Amino acid sequence: MPIYEYECTACGIHFERLQGFGDAPPLRCPRGHNGVRKVLSPPLIIFKGSGFYCTDNSHKGNGEKSESKSDRKRESATDKED
């Protein structure tokens, strides 16, 4: 279940709630004030290592196009015919 951050519009405190997607948002802050709004923040995504783009894309990192398995099979089939 995700953790959502809320802010009270009356007193300004920030608080978090562990909620399911179908749960209703809180109507009151922990101090009892009405007027709570959800605080939106960017998702925390960290890509570590040499990079997924260079290793998972069909092109090599230096700009050269990598060979696919079908290209290698075609080349070996033409070599056998000669």
N, C-alpha and C. Protein backbone atom coordinates (compact mmCIF):
# COMPACT_ATOMS: atom_id res chain seq x y z
N MET A 1 0.84 -1.18 0.00
CA MET A 1 0.00 0.00 0.00
C MET A 1 0.89 1.25 0.00
N PRO A 2 0.50 2.25 -0.76
CA PRO A 2 1.32 3.47 -0.84
C PRO A 2 1.13 4.37 0.38
N ILE A 3 2.13 5.19 0.59
CA ILE A 3 2.08 6.20 1.65
C ILE A 3 1.82 7.54 0.99
N TYR A 4 0.77 8.23 1.44
CA TYR A 4 0.43 9.55 0.90
C TYR A 4 0.76 10.62 1.91
N GLU A 5 1.19 11.78 1.42
CA GLU A 5 1.50 12.91 2.28
C GLU A 5 0.38 13.94 2.15
N TYR A 6 -0.06 14.46 3.28
CA TYR A 6 -1.12 15.46 3.31
C TYR A 6 -0.65 16.68 4.07
N GLU A 7 -1.31 17.82 3.80
CA GLU A 7 -1.03 19.07 4.49
C GLU A 7 -2.35 19.67 4.94
N CYS A 8 -2.37 20.15 6.16
CA CYS A 8 -3.55 20.81 6.69
C CYS A 8 -3.53 22.26 6.23
N THR A 9 -4.65 22.72 5.67
CA THR A 9 -4.70 24.10 5.18
C THR A 9 -4.91 25.09 6.33
N ALA A 10 -5.37 24.62 7.48
CA ALA A 10 -5.60 25.50 8.63
C ALA A 10 -4.32 25.75 9.44
N CYS A 11 -3.64 24.66 9.82
CA CYS A 11 -2.46 24.83 10.68
C CYS A 11 -1.15 24.59 9.95
N GLY A 12 -1.17 23.98 8.76
CA GLY A 12 0.02 23.83 7.94
C GLY A 12 0.89 22.63 8.25
N ILE A 13 0.45 21.73 9.14
CA ILE A 13 1.30 20.57 9.42
C ILE A 13 1.23 19.57 8.28
N HIS A 14 2.30 18.84 8.10
CA HIS A 14 2.37 17.76 7.11
C HIS A 14 2.28 16.44 7.86
N PHE A 15 1.52 15.51 7.31
CA PHE A 15 1.42 14.18 7.90
C PHE A 15 1.25 13.16 6.79
N GLU A 16 1.57 11.92 7.10
CA GLU A 16 1.50 10.83 6.12
C GLU A 16 0.49 9.80 6.55
N ARG A 17 -0.11 9.13 5.54
CA ARG A 17 -1.06 8.06 5.80
C ARG A 17 -0.76 6.89 4.87
N LEU A 18 -0.75 5.69 5.42
CA LEU A 18 -0.63 4.47 4.64
C LEU A 18 -2.03 4.07 4.22
N GLN A 19 -2.32 4.18 2.92
CA GLN A 19 -3.67 3.95 2.42
C GLN A 19 -3.66 3.08 1.19
N GLY A 20 -4.75 2.36 1.00
CA GLY A 20 -4.96 1.62 -0.24
C GLY A 20 -5.49 2.58 -1.30
N PHE A 21 -5.51 2.13 -2.53
CA PHE A 21 -5.97 3.00 -3.61
C PHE A 21 -7.45 3.34 -3.48
N GLY A 22 -8.24 2.45 -2.93
CA GLY A 22 -9.67 2.67 -2.82
C GLY A 22 -10.11 3.35 -1.54
N ASP A 23 -9.17 3.62 -0.62
CA ASP A 23 -9.52 4.27 0.65
C ASP A 23 -9.81 5.74 0.44
N ALA A 24 -10.73 6.25 1.25
CA ALA A 24 -11.08 7.67 1.19
C ALA A 24 -9.97 8.50 1.83
N PRO A 25 -9.70 9.70 1.31
CA PRO A 25 -8.67 10.55 1.91
C PRO A 25 -9.15 11.08 3.27
N PRO A 26 -8.21 11.44 4.15
CA PRO A 26 -8.64 11.97 5.46
C PRO A 26 -9.32 13.33 5.30
N LEU A 27 -10.28 13.60 6.17
CA LEU A 27 -10.99 14.87 6.14
C LEU A 27 -10.45 15.85 7.17
N ARG A 28 -9.75 15.32 8.19
CA ARG A 28 -9.22 16.16 9.27
C ARG A 28 -7.74 15.84 9.48
N CYS A 29 -7.02 16.84 9.93
CA CYS A 29 -5.61 16.63 10.28
C CYS A 29 -5.53 16.00 11.67
N PRO A 30 -4.35 15.55 12.09
CA PRO A 30 -4.22 14.95 13.43
C PRO A 30 -4.58 15.90 14.57
N ARG A 31 -4.53 17.20 14.33
CA ARG A 31 -4.90 18.19 15.35
C ARG A 31 -6.40 18.50 15.34
N GLY A 32 -7.14 17.93 14.36
CA GLY A 32 -8.60 18.09 14.34
C GLY A 32 -9.14 19.17 13.43
N HIS A 33 -8.29 19.82 12.66
CA HIS A 33 -8.76 20.87 11.75
C HIS A 33 -9.32 20.25 10.47
N ASN A 34 -10.30 20.94 9.89
CA ASN A 34 -10.83 20.55 8.58
C ASN A 34 -9.98 21.19 7.49
N GLY A 35 -10.05 20.65 6.29
CA GLY A 35 -9.34 21.24 5.16
C GLY A 35 -7.97 20.61 4.98
N VAL A 36 -7.94 19.39 4.50
CA VAL A 36 -6.70 18.67 4.25
C VAL A 36 -6.53 18.52 2.75
N ARG A 37 -5.31 18.73 2.28
CA ARG A 37 -5.04 18.54 0.86
C ARG A 37 -3.87 17.60 0.69
N LYS A 38 -3.88 16.86 -0.42
CA LYS A 38 -2.79 15.92 -0.73
C LYS A 38 -1.61 16.68 -1.30
N VAL A 39 -0.43 16.35 -0.83
CA VAL A 39 0.80 16.97 -1.32
C VAL A 39 1.38 16.04 -2.39
N LEU A 40 1.57 16.58 -3.58
CA LEU A 40 2.13 15.79 -4.68
C LEU A 40 3.63 16.03 -4.76
N SER A 41 4.37 14.96 -4.94
CA SER A 41 5.82 15.06 -5.08
C SER A 41 6.26 14.13 -6.21
N PRO A 42 7.41 14.39 -6.81
CA PRO A 42 7.87 13.53 -7.90
C PRO A 42 8.20 12.14 -7.38
N PRO A 43 8.00 11.12 -8.20
CA PRO A 43 8.33 9.76 -7.75
C PRO A 43 9.83 9.59 -7.59
N LEU A 44 10.21 8.74 -6.66
CA LEU A 44 11.62 8.49 -6.41
C LEU A 44 12.06 7.29 -7.24
N ILE A 45 12.75 7.59 -8.35
CA ILE A 45 13.26 6.54 -9.22
C ILE A 45 14.76 6.77 -9.38
N ILE A 46 15.54 5.75 -9.09
CA ILE A 46 16.99 5.86 -9.22
C ILE A 46 17.48 4.77 -10.15
N PHE A 47 18.15 5.16 -11.22
CA PHE A 47 18.76 4.22 -12.14
C PHE A 47 20.24 4.14 -11.81
N LYS A 48 20.71 2.97 -11.41
CA LYS A 48 22.11 2.80 -11.05
C LYS A 48 22.82 1.94 -12.09
N GLY A 49 24.11 2.03 -12.13
CA GLY A 49 24.89 1.22 -13.04
C GLY A 49 25.29 1.99 -14.28
N SER A 50 25.68 1.24 -15.29
CA SER A 50 26.16 1.88 -16.52
C SER A 50 25.04 2.48 -17.35
N GLY A 51 23.81 2.13 -17.04
CA GLY A 51 22.68 2.73 -17.72
C GLY A 51 21.87 1.71 -18.47
N PHE A 52 20.56 1.80 -18.33
CA PHE A 52 19.69 0.85 -19.02
C PHE A 52 19.58 1.16 -20.49
N TYR A 53 19.74 2.42 -20.87
CA TYR A 53 19.55 2.79 -22.27
C TYR A 53 20.64 2.19 -23.14
N CYS A 54 21.88 2.23 -22.69
CA CYS A 54 22.98 1.71 -23.49
C CYS A 54 22.94 0.19 -23.58
N THR A 55 22.50 -0.47 -22.52
CA THR A 55 22.54 -1.93 -22.51
C THR A 55 21.28 -2.57 -23.06
N ASP A 56 20.14 -1.90 -22.96
CA ASP A 56 18.88 -2.51 -23.38
C ASP A 56 18.39 -2.05 -24.74
N ASN A 57 18.98 -1.04 -25.29
CA ASN A 57 18.54 -0.54 -26.58
C ASN A 57 19.19 -1.38 -27.69
N SER A 58 18.62 -1.31 -28.88
CA SER A 58 19.15 -2.11 -29.98
C SER A 58 20.43 -1.51 -30.56
N HIS A 59 20.82 -0.32 -30.14
CA HIS A 59 22.05 0.31 -30.60
C HIS A 59 23.12 0.20 -29.52
N LYS A 60 24.36 0.09 -29.96
CA LYS A 60 25.46 0.10 -29.00
C LYS A 60 25.65 1.51 -28.49
N GLY A 61 26.32 1.66 -27.37
CA GLY A 61 26.52 2.97 -26.76
C GLY A 61 27.31 3.93 -27.62
N ASN A 62 28.18 3.44 -28.52
CA ASN A 62 29.02 4.32 -29.31
C ASN A 62 28.37 4.75 -30.63
N GLY A 63 27.10 4.43 -30.82
CA GLY A 63 26.39 4.84 -32.02
C GLY A 63 26.31 3.78 -33.08
N GLU A 64 27.06 2.67 -32.94
CA GLU A 64 26.99 1.60 -33.92
C GLU A 64 25.77 0.73 -33.65
N LYS A 65 25.19 0.22 -34.69
CA LYS A 65 24.03 -0.64 -34.54
C LYS A 65 24.50 -2.05 -34.20
N SER A 66 23.87 -2.65 -33.19
CA SER A 66 24.27 -4.00 -32.81
C SER A 66 23.59 -5.02 -33.71
N GLU A 67 24.23 -6.17 -33.85
CA GLU A 67 23.67 -7.24 -34.69
C GLU A 67 22.63 -8.01 -33.92
N SER A 68 21.53 -8.32 -34.57
CA SER A 68 20.53 -9.16 -33.93
C SER A 68 20.82 -10.61 -34.25
N LYS A 69 20.13 -11.52 -33.57
CA LYS A 69 20.34 -12.95 -33.82
C LYS A 69 19.97 -13.32 -35.25
N SER A 70 18.91 -12.70 -35.77
CA SER A 70 18.49 -13.02 -37.14
C SER A 70 19.53 -12.57 -38.16
N ASP A 71 20.23 -11.44 -37.89
CA ASP A 71 21.29 -10.99 -38.79
C ASP A 71 22.45 -11.98 -38.79
N ARG A 72 22.81 -12.49 -37.62
CA ARG A 72 23.91 -13.45 -37.53
C ARG A 72 23.55 -14.76 -38.22
N LYS A 73 22.29 -15.20 -38.08
CA LYS A 73 21.86 -16.44 -38.74
C LYS A 73 21.91 -16.29 -40.25
N ARG A 74 21.47 -15.14 -40.75
CA ARG A 74 21.48 -14.88 -42.18
C ARG A 74 22.90 -14.91 -42.72
N GLU A 75 23.84 -14.28 -41.99
CA GLU A 75 25.23 -14.24 -42.43
C GLU A 75 25.83 -15.64 -42.43
N SER A 76 25.55 -16.44 -41.39
CA SER A 76 26.12 -17.78 -41.36
C SER A 76 25.50 -18.66 -42.44
N ALA A 77 24.26 -18.45 -42.81
CA ALA A 77 23.62 -19.22 -43.88
C ALA A 77 24.24 -18.87 -45.23
N THR A 78 24.54 -17.62 -45.47
CA THR A 78 25.16 -17.22 -46.74
C THR A 78 26.60 -17.71 -46.81
N ASP A 79 27.30 -17.78 -45.66
CA ASP A 79 28.67 -18.30 -45.64
C ASP A 79 28.70 -19.77 -46.01
N LYS A 80 27.70 -20.54 -45.56
CA LYS A 80 27.64 -21.96 -45.84
C LYS A 80 27.33 -22.23 -47.31
N GLU A 81 26.57 -21.34 -47.97
CA GLU A 81 26.22 -21.51 -49.37
C GLU A 81 27.43 -21.33 -50.28
N ASP A 82 28.37 -20.48 -49.86
CA ASP A 82 29.55 -20.19 -50.70
C ASP A 82 30.52 -21.29 -50.74
